[in-house]
Amino acid sequence: MSGSEKHIFGVAEVNQFIKTMLDGVPALQDLYVRGELSNYKIYPSGHHYFTLKDPEGVLRCVMFRSSAAHLRFRLENGMKVIVRGRITAFVRDGQYQLYCDAVTPEGAGDLAVAFEQLKARLYQEGLFDASHKKPLPPFPQRIAIITSGSGAAVHDMLRILRRRYPICKVIVLPVRVQGVEAAPEIVGAIRYANRWRVADLIITGRGGGSMEDLWAFNDERVARAIYESELPVISAVGHEPDVTISDFVADVRASTPSNAAEIAVPDAVELAAQLSGARAHMLQVLRQSLQLRRQTLQTFSESRILRNPAAAVQDKRMELDLLHRKLTGLAQADLARRRQQFAALAASLDALSPLKVLGRGYSVAKDTTGQLLRSIEQTEVGQAITVTLGDGSLDCTVDGIRKGEKA
């Protein structure tokens, strides 16, 4: 092939080349695109496919199931949104498209985008994991409230805490809850409460407001301070629909500051009622137990053994005598049976005794080692032997051997 000849690309090769070029542009790997949703579909795989359009153009988009699972609202055709994702090409179809990581409504603005960015990052780091949540103390002795010292929220919480659980000591750590200095002050108060263990429980939050007003509780520094707190933290920011990053990180989220005070402590009136009920139940159990023991004592007091202890002893003596006679009879019968067995065995043994055989005129010959002579082959002429008779023994010498002859 000459140097002037052009390289001929395959279709997939061209598509891959374009994909590599797109992937190499940093600006296309994390960008935000504003547009209107259209052709929105959810496939059985759980992936979301749609297009973003504006008056001048259309952009194909895909949002995989793993990313779509974090959507906080339902996507609909015609909705104005801001989409975050990356641009790349699909080699097989030769189409470039936006792979979406997050979608926010158009009206949310930059704060909403920042909120979703931080939320996704902290979620990936595990700051929202339920396994990290600490239980609230059932009967806190001291509660630290970190909020504005002059706002309505702190007064509502103090009023409810005094009414519900007046024995609890409340420590207010006043901080700014709005503005540039709010987040550092909130972080400092949380760390101070932990360092000096000023309370058993922390409530932090503020009253309602716009997203800009509540933004201190969407600050990453505040979120990490709550996560690192060794004391349990209740987040109580805004009204019930308001949700902040602090709510996700805190051990418990309260819908309002007033709700936080209700969650933090038990109701003293309810506790008194429970204690009263428990006391009544214990008294009832004690009365029933006492009555049962009285009945048992009455039964014992009427028993024969207590009214006439000697009679019971006499009964036992009679039972003992009867048992003694029975055992003695059994023992005597067993002894007689064993004596009979012994006599029979002794007679059998005596019948088999060698002395009985010798007494009938037989004798036993042994050599000098005491070995019984059973054959003439075991002896020889001149050998000394011993002959045992019924009434004694003879020391003899073999004078001759006659084979085959019997006495």
Protein backbone atom coordinates (compact mmCIF):
# COMPACT_ATOMS: atom_id res chain seq x y z
CA MET A 1 0.00 0.00 0.00
CA SER A 2 1.51 3.34 -0.98
CA GLY A 3 1.88 6.25 1.41
CA SER A 4 -0.72 8.25 -0.55
CA GLU A 5 -3.48 5.69 0.03
CA LYS A 6 -6.09 6.60 2.66
CA HIS A 7 -6.88 4.37 5.64
CA ILE A 8 -10.28 2.78 5.21
CA PHE A 9 -12.25 2.64 8.48
CA GLY A 10 -14.87 0.12 9.45
CA VAL A 11 -18.20 1.48 10.70
CA ALA A 12 -17.63 0.30 14.25
CA GLU A 13 -14.10 1.64 14.10
CA VAL A 14 -15.40 5.11 13.22
CA ASN A 15 -18.00 4.95 15.98
CA GLN A 16 -15.36 3.87 18.48
CA PHE A 17 -13.08 6.69 17.34
CA ILE A 18 -15.85 9.22 17.90
CA LYS A 19 -16.66 7.73 21.32
CA THR A 20 -13.00 7.95 22.33
CA MET A 21 -12.90 11.59 21.25
CA LEU A 22 -16.04 12.43 23.23
CA ASP A 23 -14.80 10.59 26.31
CA GLY A 24 -11.58 12.56 26.17
CA VAL A 25 -13.31 15.93 26.56
CA PRO A 26 -13.51 16.70 30.33
CA ALA A 27 -16.27 19.27 29.87
CA LEU A 28 -18.53 16.55 28.47
CA GLN A 29 -17.96 14.12 31.35
CA ASP A 30 -19.83 16.13 34.01
CA LEU A 31 -22.21 18.74 32.66
CA TYR A 32 -25.67 20.12 33.30
CA VAL A 33 -28.21 20.46 30.51
CA ARG A 34 -31.49 22.37 30.70
CA GLY A 35 -34.41 21.32 28.56
CA GLU A 36 -37.92 19.93 28.23
CA LEU A 37 -38.63 16.22 28.65
CA SER A 38 -40.25 14.37 25.73
CA ASN A 39 -40.61 10.78 24.46
CA TYR A 40 -40.22 9.60 28.05
CA LYS A 41 -40.33 5.80 28.49
CA ILE A 42 -39.44 3.31 31.20
CA TYR A 43 -38.32 -0.06 29.87
CA PRO A 44 -38.81 -3.38 31.71
CA SER A 45 -35.11 -3.28 32.55
CA GLY A 46 -35.80 -0.24 34.74
CA HIS A 47 -33.80 2.12 32.51
CA HIS A 48 -35.34 5.50 31.59
CA TYR A 49 -35.11 6.80 28.02
CA PHE A 50 -36.15 10.30 26.93
CA THR A 51 -35.07 13.32 24.94
CA LEU A 52 -34.29 16.84 26.06
CA LYS A 53 -35.38 19.55 23.69
CA ASP A 54 -35.41 23.28 23.37
CA PRO A 55 -36.42 25.47 20.41
CA GLU A 56 -33.08 24.89 18.68
CA GLY A 57 -32.35 21.20 19.20
CA VAL A 58 -32.96 17.73 20.63
CA LEU A 59 -30.63 15.57 22.75
CA ARG A 60 -31.15 11.84 23.34
CA CYS A 61 -30.80 10.77 26.99
CA VAL A 62 -30.70 7.58 29.01
CA MET A 63 -30.89 7.17 32.78
CA PHE A 64 -29.98 3.72 34.06
CA ARG A 65 -32.01 2.02 36.76
CA SER A 66 -29.35 2.52 39.44
CA SER A 67 -29.45 6.29 38.95
CA ALA A 68 -33.22 6.46 38.48
CA ALA A 69 -33.70 4.81 41.88
CA HIS A 70 -32.59 8.07 43.52
CA LEU A 71 -35.19 10.26 41.80
CA ARG A 72 -37.31 12.15 44.31
CA PHE A 73 -40.10 12.90 41.82
CA ARG A 74 -41.81 11.33 38.82
CA LEU A 75 -40.62 12.38 35.37
CA GLU A 76 -43.32 13.47 32.92
CA ASN A 77 -43.35 14.64 29.31
CA GLY A 78 -43.28 18.41 29.06
CA MET A 79 -41.51 18.88 32.41
CA LYS A 80 -38.75 21.52 32.48
CA VAL A 81 -35.67 19.97 34.08
CA ILE A 82 -31.95 20.27 34.61
CA VAL A 83 -30.09 17.05 33.89
CA ARG A 84 -26.61 16.16 35.11
CA GLY A 85 -24.58 13.56 33.27
CA ARG A 86 -21.94 12.85 30.62
CA ILE A 87 -21.92 12.82 26.83
CA THR A 88 -20.61 9.75 25.05
CA ALA A 89 -21.39 7.66 21.98
CA PHE A 90 -23.02 4.26 21.67
CA VAL A 91 -20.71 2.35 19.32
CA ARG A 92 -23.30 -0.06 17.97
CA ASP A 93 -25.78 2.62 16.78
CA GLY A 94 -23.32 5.41 16.15
CA GLN A 95 -25.47 7.74 18.29
CA TYR A 96 -24.18 10.08 20.92
CA GLN A 97 -26.38 10.72 23.94
CA LEU A 98 -26.46 12.07 27.45
CA TYR A 99 -26.04 9.43 30.16
CA CYS A 100 -27.93 10.98 33.10
CA ASP A 101 -26.93 10.70 36.75
CA ALA A 102 -29.48 13.11 38.25
CA VAL A 103 -32.52 15.15 37.24
CA THR A 104 -33.89 18.21 39.07
CA PRO A 105 -36.94 20.33 38.25
CA GLU A 106 -36.18 23.46 36.30
CA GLY A 107 -37.52 25.76 38.99
CA ALA A 108 -35.11 24.48 41.61
CA GLY A 109 -32.17 26.59 40.48
CA ASP A 110 -28.50 26.30 41.42
CA LEU A 111 -29.17 25.49 45.08
CA ALA A 112 -31.22 22.48 44.09
CA VAL A 113 -28.43 21.23 41.85
CA ALA A 114 -25.90 21.71 44.64
CA PHE A 115 -28.26 19.95 47.05
CA GLU A 116 -28.54 16.91 44.78
CA GLN A 117 -24.80 16.87 44.16
CA LEU A 118 -23.97 16.85 47.88
CA LYS A 119 -26.73 14.40 48.68
CA ALA A 120 -25.48 11.91 46.09
CA ARG A 121 -21.88 12.21 47.26
CA LEU A 122 -22.64 11.79 50.95
CA TYR A 123 -24.93 8.88 50.18
CA GLN A 124 -22.11 7.14 48.33
CA GLU A 125 -19.82 7.73 51.32
CA GLY A 126 -22.33 6.03 53.62
CA LEU A 127 -23.27 9.04 55.78
CA PHE A 128 -26.96 8.17 55.45
CA ASP A 129 -26.61 4.48 56.36
CA ALA A 130 -29.13 3.24 58.92
CA SER A 131 -26.39 1.17 60.58
CA HIS A 132 -24.76 4.41 61.77
CA LYS A 133 -27.92 5.74 63.43
CA LYS A 134 -27.72 5.91 67.22
CA PRO A 135 -30.78 5.26 69.40
CA LEU A 136 -32.20 8.13 71.42
CA PRO A 137 -31.97 7.86 75.23
CA PRO A 138 -35.41 6.93 76.58
CA PHE A 139 -35.12 9.25 79.61
CA PRO A 140 -32.60 12.02 78.84
CA GLN A 141 -31.38 14.04 81.80
CA ARG A 142 -29.95 16.90 79.70
CA ILE A 143 -30.77 18.12 76.20
CA ALA A 144 -28.71 20.59 74.18
CA ILE A 145 -30.64 22.73 71.71
CA ILE A 146 -28.50 24.23 68.95
CA THR A 147 -30.52 26.92 67.19
CA SER A 148 -31.14 30.64 67.16
CA GLY A 149 -31.54 32.00 70.66
CA SER A 150 -34.18 34.48 69.56
CA GLY A 151 -36.28 32.49 67.11
CA ALA A 152 -39.74 31.12 67.68
CA ALA A 153 -38.44 27.55 67.29
CA VAL A 154 -36.42 27.58 70.54
CA HIS A 155 -39.35 28.97 72.52
CA ASP A 156 -41.68 26.30 71.14
CA MET A 157 -39.21 23.55 72.05
CA LEU A 158 -38.63 24.90 75.56
CA ARG A 159 -42.37 25.17 76.18
CA ILE A 160 -43.02 21.60 75.03
CA LEU A 161 -40.05 20.16 76.94
CA ARG A 162 -41.12 21.89 80.17
CA ARG A 163 -44.67 20.59 79.75
CA ARG A 164 -43.81 17.02 78.76
CA TYR A 165 -40.74 16.29 80.88
CA PRO A 166 -39.98 19.06 83.39
CA ILE A 167 -37.25 17.07 85.20
CA CYS A 168 -34.99 17.30 82.13
CA LYS A 169 -32.38 20.06 82.08
CA VAL A 170 -32.24 22.00 78.80
CA ILE A 171 -29.09 23.78 77.62
CA VAL A 172 -29.47 26.24 74.75
CA LEU A 173 -26.37 26.76 72.60
CA PRO A 174 -27.36 29.83 70.55
CA VAL A 175 -26.03 30.02 66.99
CA ARG A 176 -26.88 31.83 63.80
CA VAL A 177 -29.03 29.65 61.54
CA GLN A 178 -28.88 31.79 58.42
CA GLY A 179 -26.11 33.49 56.53
CA VAL A 180 -22.45 32.83 55.82
CA GLU A 181 -21.46 32.35 59.47
CA ALA A 182 -24.32 29.99 60.33
CA ALA A 183 -22.71 26.71 59.27
CA PRO A 184 -19.39 27.23 61.15
CA GLU A 185 -21.28 28.21 64.32
CA ILE A 186 -23.54 25.15 64.14
CA VAL A 187 -20.51 22.90 63.60
CA GLY A 188 -18.72 24.52 66.55
CA ALA A 189 -21.72 24.06 68.85
CA ILE A 190 -22.08 20.37 67.93
CA ARG A 191 -18.40 19.73 68.57
CA TYR A 192 -18.52 21.68 71.84
CA ALA A 193 -21.49 19.62 73.09
CA ASN A 194 -19.62 16.41 72.28
CA ARG A 195 -16.28 17.45 73.71
CA TRP A 196 -17.66 18.52 77.10
CA ARG A 197 -20.59 16.08 77.17
CA VAL A 198 -22.97 18.87 78.08
CA ALA A 199 -26.03 16.73 77.29
CA ASP A 200 -27.34 13.25 76.52
CA LEU A 201 -29.03 14.39 73.31
CA ILE A 202 -28.71 17.20 70.75
CA ILE A 203 -31.54 18.91 68.89
CA THR A 204 -30.45 21.18 66.06
CA GLY A 205 -32.61 23.04 63.59
CA ARG A 206 -34.68 26.13 62.94
CA GLY A 207 -38.10 27.25 61.81
CA GLY A 208 -39.35 27.23 58.25
CA GLY A 209 -38.20 29.38 55.36
CA SER A 210 -37.04 29.31 51.78
CA MET A 211 -34.34 26.99 50.51
CA GLU A 212 -31.87 29.86 50.86
CA ASP A 213 -32.97 30.38 54.49
CA LEU A 214 -32.46 26.70 55.34
CA TRP A 215 -29.20 26.35 53.43
CA ALA A 216 -26.94 26.21 56.51
CA PHE A 217 -28.40 22.76 57.21
CA ASN A 218 -27.47 21.68 53.68
CA ASP A 219 -23.84 22.59 54.30
CA GLU A 220 -21.39 19.69 54.04
CA ARG A 221 -19.55 20.80 57.18
CA VAL A 222 -22.72 20.62 59.25
CA ALA A 223 -23.58 17.22 57.77
CA ARG A 224 -20.18 15.79 58.67
CA ALA A 225 -20.31 17.27 62.20
CA ILE A 226 -23.67 15.57 62.78
CA TYR A 227 -22.33 12.30 61.36
CA GLU A 228 -19.26 12.44 63.62
CA SER A 229 -21.26 13.33 66.75
CA GLU A 230 -21.03 10.72 69.49
CA LEU A 231 -24.20 12.16 71.03
CA PRO A 232 -27.48 11.29 69.28
CA VAL A 233 -28.75 14.13 67.09
CA ILE A 234 -32.33 15.06 66.15
CA SER A 235 -32.58 17.26 63.07
CA ALA A 236 -35.56 19.64 63.17
CA VAL A 237 -35.42 21.99 60.21
CA GLY A 238 -38.35 23.95 58.83
CA HIS A 239 -41.82 22.60 58.31
CA GLU A 240 -42.86 19.04 57.46
CA PRO A 241 -42.31 19.27 53.64
CA ASP A 242 -38.81 20.73 54.08
CA VAL A 243 -35.97 18.24 53.72
CA THR A 244 -32.30 19.06 54.26
CA ILE A 245 -29.04 17.16 54.16
CA SER A 246 -28.96 17.31 57.98
CA ASP A 247 -32.20 15.31 58.05
CA PHE A 248 -30.56 12.48 56.13
CA VAL A 249 -27.43 12.40 58.32
CA ALA A 250 -29.07 12.84 61.72
CA ASP A 251 -30.01 9.88 63.88
CA VAL A 252 -33.66 10.98 63.85
CA ARG A 253 -35.46 13.46 61.63
CA ALA A 254 -38.28 15.55 63.13
CA SER A 255 -40.83 17.21 60.87
CA THR A 256 -40.71 20.46 62.92
CA PRO A 257 -38.83 21.80 65.96
CA SER A 258 -41.96 21.18 68.06
CA ASN A 259 -42.05 17.59 66.84
CA ALA A 260 -38.38 17.25 67.82
CA ALA A 261 -39.21 18.21 71.42
CA GLU A 262 -42.00 15.63 71.46
CA ILE A 263 -39.68 12.93 70.11
CA ALA A 264 -36.82 13.79 72.49
CA VAL A 265 -38.62 13.17 75.79
CA PRO A 266 -41.46 11.03 77.11
CA ASP A 267 -44.70 12.59 78.33
CA ALA A 268 -44.56 12.89 82.14
CA VAL A 269 -48.34 12.53 82.37
CA GLU A 270 -48.23 9.29 80.39
CA LEU A 271 -45.28 8.08 82.48
CA ALA A 272 -47.20 8.79 85.68
CA ALA A 273 -50.18 6.87 84.32
CA GLN A 274 -47.92 3.95 83.35
CA LEU A 275 -46.27 3.95 86.79
CA SER A 276 -49.66 4.07 88.46
CA GLY A 277 -50.84 1.15 86.35
CA ALA A 278 -47.67 -0.78 87.12
CA ARG A 279 -48.10 -0.09 90.84
CA ALA A 280 -51.71 -1.30 90.76
CA HIS A 281 -50.64 -4.42 88.88
CA MET A 282 -47.86 -5.15 91.39
CA LEU A 283 -50.26 -4.70 94.30
CA GLN A 284 -52.71 -7.07 92.68
CA VAL A 285 -49.99 -9.67 92.13
CA LEU A 286 -48.84 -9.30 95.74
CA ARG A 287 -52.39 -9.70 97.05
CA GLN A 288 -52.92 -12.81 94.96
CA SER A 289 -49.58 -14.24 96.11
CA LEU A 290 -50.40 -13.46 99.75
CA GLN A 291 -53.83 -15.08 99.42
CA LEU A 292 -52.28 -18.20 97.89
CA ARG A 293 -49.78 -18.47 100.74
CA ARG A 294 -52.54 -18.01 103.29
CA GLN A 295 -54.44 -20.88 101.71
CA THR A 296 -51.30 -23.02 101.74
CA LEU A 297 -50.71 -22.20 105.40
CA GLN A 298 -54.32 -23.04 106.23
CA THR A 299 -53.96 -26.40 104.45
CA PHE A 300 -50.78 -27.17 106.38
CA SER A 301 -52.30 -26.11 109.68
CA GLU A 302 -55.17 -28.57 109.18
CA SER A 303 -52.93 -31.45 108.19
CA ARG A 304 -52.57 -34.48 110.54
CA ILE A 305 -48.81 -34.22 110.69
CA LEU A 306 -48.98 -30.76 112.24
CA ARG A 307 -51.89 -31.51 114.54
CA ASN A 308 -50.34 -34.81 115.85
CA PRO A 309 -46.66 -35.10 114.89
CA ALA A 310 -46.18 -38.22 117.11
CA ALA A 311 -48.83 -40.13 115.16
CA ALA A 312 -46.94 -39.60 111.96
CA VAL A 313 -43.74 -40.88 113.60
CA GLN A 314 -45.58 -43.95 114.86
CA ASP A 315 -46.95 -44.62 111.36
CA LYS A 316 -43.46 -44.46 109.95
CA ARG A 317 -42.16 -46.79 112.68
CA MET A 318 -44.80 -49.35 111.78
CA GLU A 319 -43.91 -49.06 108.11
CA LEU A 320 -40.24 -49.49 109.05
CA ASP A 321 -40.97 -52.66 111.11
CA LEU A 322 -42.99 -54.11 108.26
CA LEU A 323 -40.23 -53.37 105.81
CA HIS A 324 -37.63 -54.87 108.17
CA ARG A 325 -39.58 -58.13 108.50
CA LYS A 326 -40.04 -58.31 104.77
CA LEU A 327 -36.36 -57.72 104.06
CA THR A 328 -35.32 -60.26 106.75
CA GLY A 329 -37.55 -62.92 105.24
CA LEU A 330 -36.20 -62.26 101.77
CA ALA A 331 -32.61 -62.41 103.05
CA GLN A 332 -33.18 -65.72 104.88
CA ALA A 333 -34.85 -67.28 101.85
CA ASP A 334 -32.00 -66.18 99.65
CA LEU A 335 -29.41 -67.54 102.12
CA ALA A 336 -31.14 -70.95 102.24
CA ARG A 337 -31.25 -71.10 98.46
CA ARG A 338 -27.55 -70.30 98.20
CA ARG A 339 -26.67 -72.92 100.86
CA GLN A 340 -28.48 -75.55 98.84
CA GLN A 341 -26.60 -74.52 95.71
CA PHE A 342 -23.29 -74.68 97.62
CA ALA A 343 -23.97 -78.17 98.95
CA ALA A 344 -24.84 -79.45 95.48
CA LEU A 345 -21.71 -77.94 93.96
CA ALA A 346 -19.51 -79.33 96.79
CA ALA A 347 -20.90 -82.84 96.25
CA SER A 348 -20.20 -82.60 92.55
CA LEU A 349 -16.69 -81.38 93.19
CA ASP A 350 -16.02 -84.16 95.74
CA ALA A 351 -17.15 -86.80 93.24
CA LEU A 352 -14.55 -85.56 90.83
CA SER A 353 -11.72 -85.45 93.40
CA PRO A 354 -8.56 -87.50 92.49
CA LEU A 355 -8.35 -88.63 96.11
CA LYS A 356 -11.62 -90.51 95.69
CA VAL A 357 -10.13 -92.32 92.71
CA LEU A 358 -7.01 -93.28 94.72
CA GLY A 359 -9.19 -94.46 97.57
CA ARG A 360 -10.69 -97.06 95.28
CA GLY A 361 -7.23 -98.79 94.80
CA TYR A 362 -5.74 -96.76 92.01
CA SER A 363 -2.30 -95.08 92.13
CA VAL A 364 -0.54 -92.24 90.32
CA ALA A 365 3.10 -92.39 89.15
CA LYS A 366 5.25 -89.27 88.76
CA ASP A 367 8.90 -88.66 87.89
CA THR A 368 11.29 -86.76 90.15
CA THR A 369 10.12 -83.46 88.64
CA GLY A 370 6.55 -84.17 89.60
CA GLN A 371 5.39 -84.76 86.03
CA LEU A 372 2.62 -87.33 85.70
CA LEU A 373 3.72 -90.54 83.94
CA ARG A 374 1.15 -91.45 81.32
CA SER A 375 3.32 -93.76 79.13
CA ILE A 376 6.30 -96.15 79.47
CA GLU A 377 8.02 -93.91 76.94
CA GLN A 378 8.37 -91.27 79.67
CA THR A 379 10.66 -93.47 81.85
CA GLU A 380 13.57 -95.89 81.67
CA VAL A 381 15.18 -98.69 83.70
CA GLY A 382 16.88 -97.41 86.86
CA GLN A 383 14.87 -94.16 86.96
CA ALA A 384 13.53 -93.08 90.35
CA ILE A 385 9.80 -92.46 90.44
CA THR A 386 7.14 -91.67 93.06
CA VAL A 387 3.94 -93.70 93.30
CA THR A 388 1.01 -92.00 95.12
CA LEU A 389 -1.59 -94.26 96.77
CA GLY A 390 -4.76 -93.55 98.62
CA ASP A 391 -3.05 -93.36 102.01
CA GLY A 392 0.48 -92.20 101.05
CA SER A 393 3.29 -92.46 98.49
CA LEU A 394 6.20 -94.81 97.58
CA ASP A 395 9.68 -93.93 96.34
CA CYS A 396 10.50 -96.59 93.72
CA THR A 397 13.10 -97.45 91.08
CA VAL A 398 12.19 -98.84 87.66
CA ASP A 399 13.69 -102.35 87.47
CA GLY A 400 12.19 -103.29 84.11
CA ILE A 401 9.78 -102.15 81.41
CA ARG A 402 7.25 -104.50 79.78
CA LYS A 403 5.60 -102.94 76.79
CA GLY A 404 2.00 -103.85 76.05
CA GLU A 405 1.37 -105.65 79.33
CA LYS A 406 -1.41 -104.52 81.64
CA ALA A 407 -1.98 -105.33 85.27
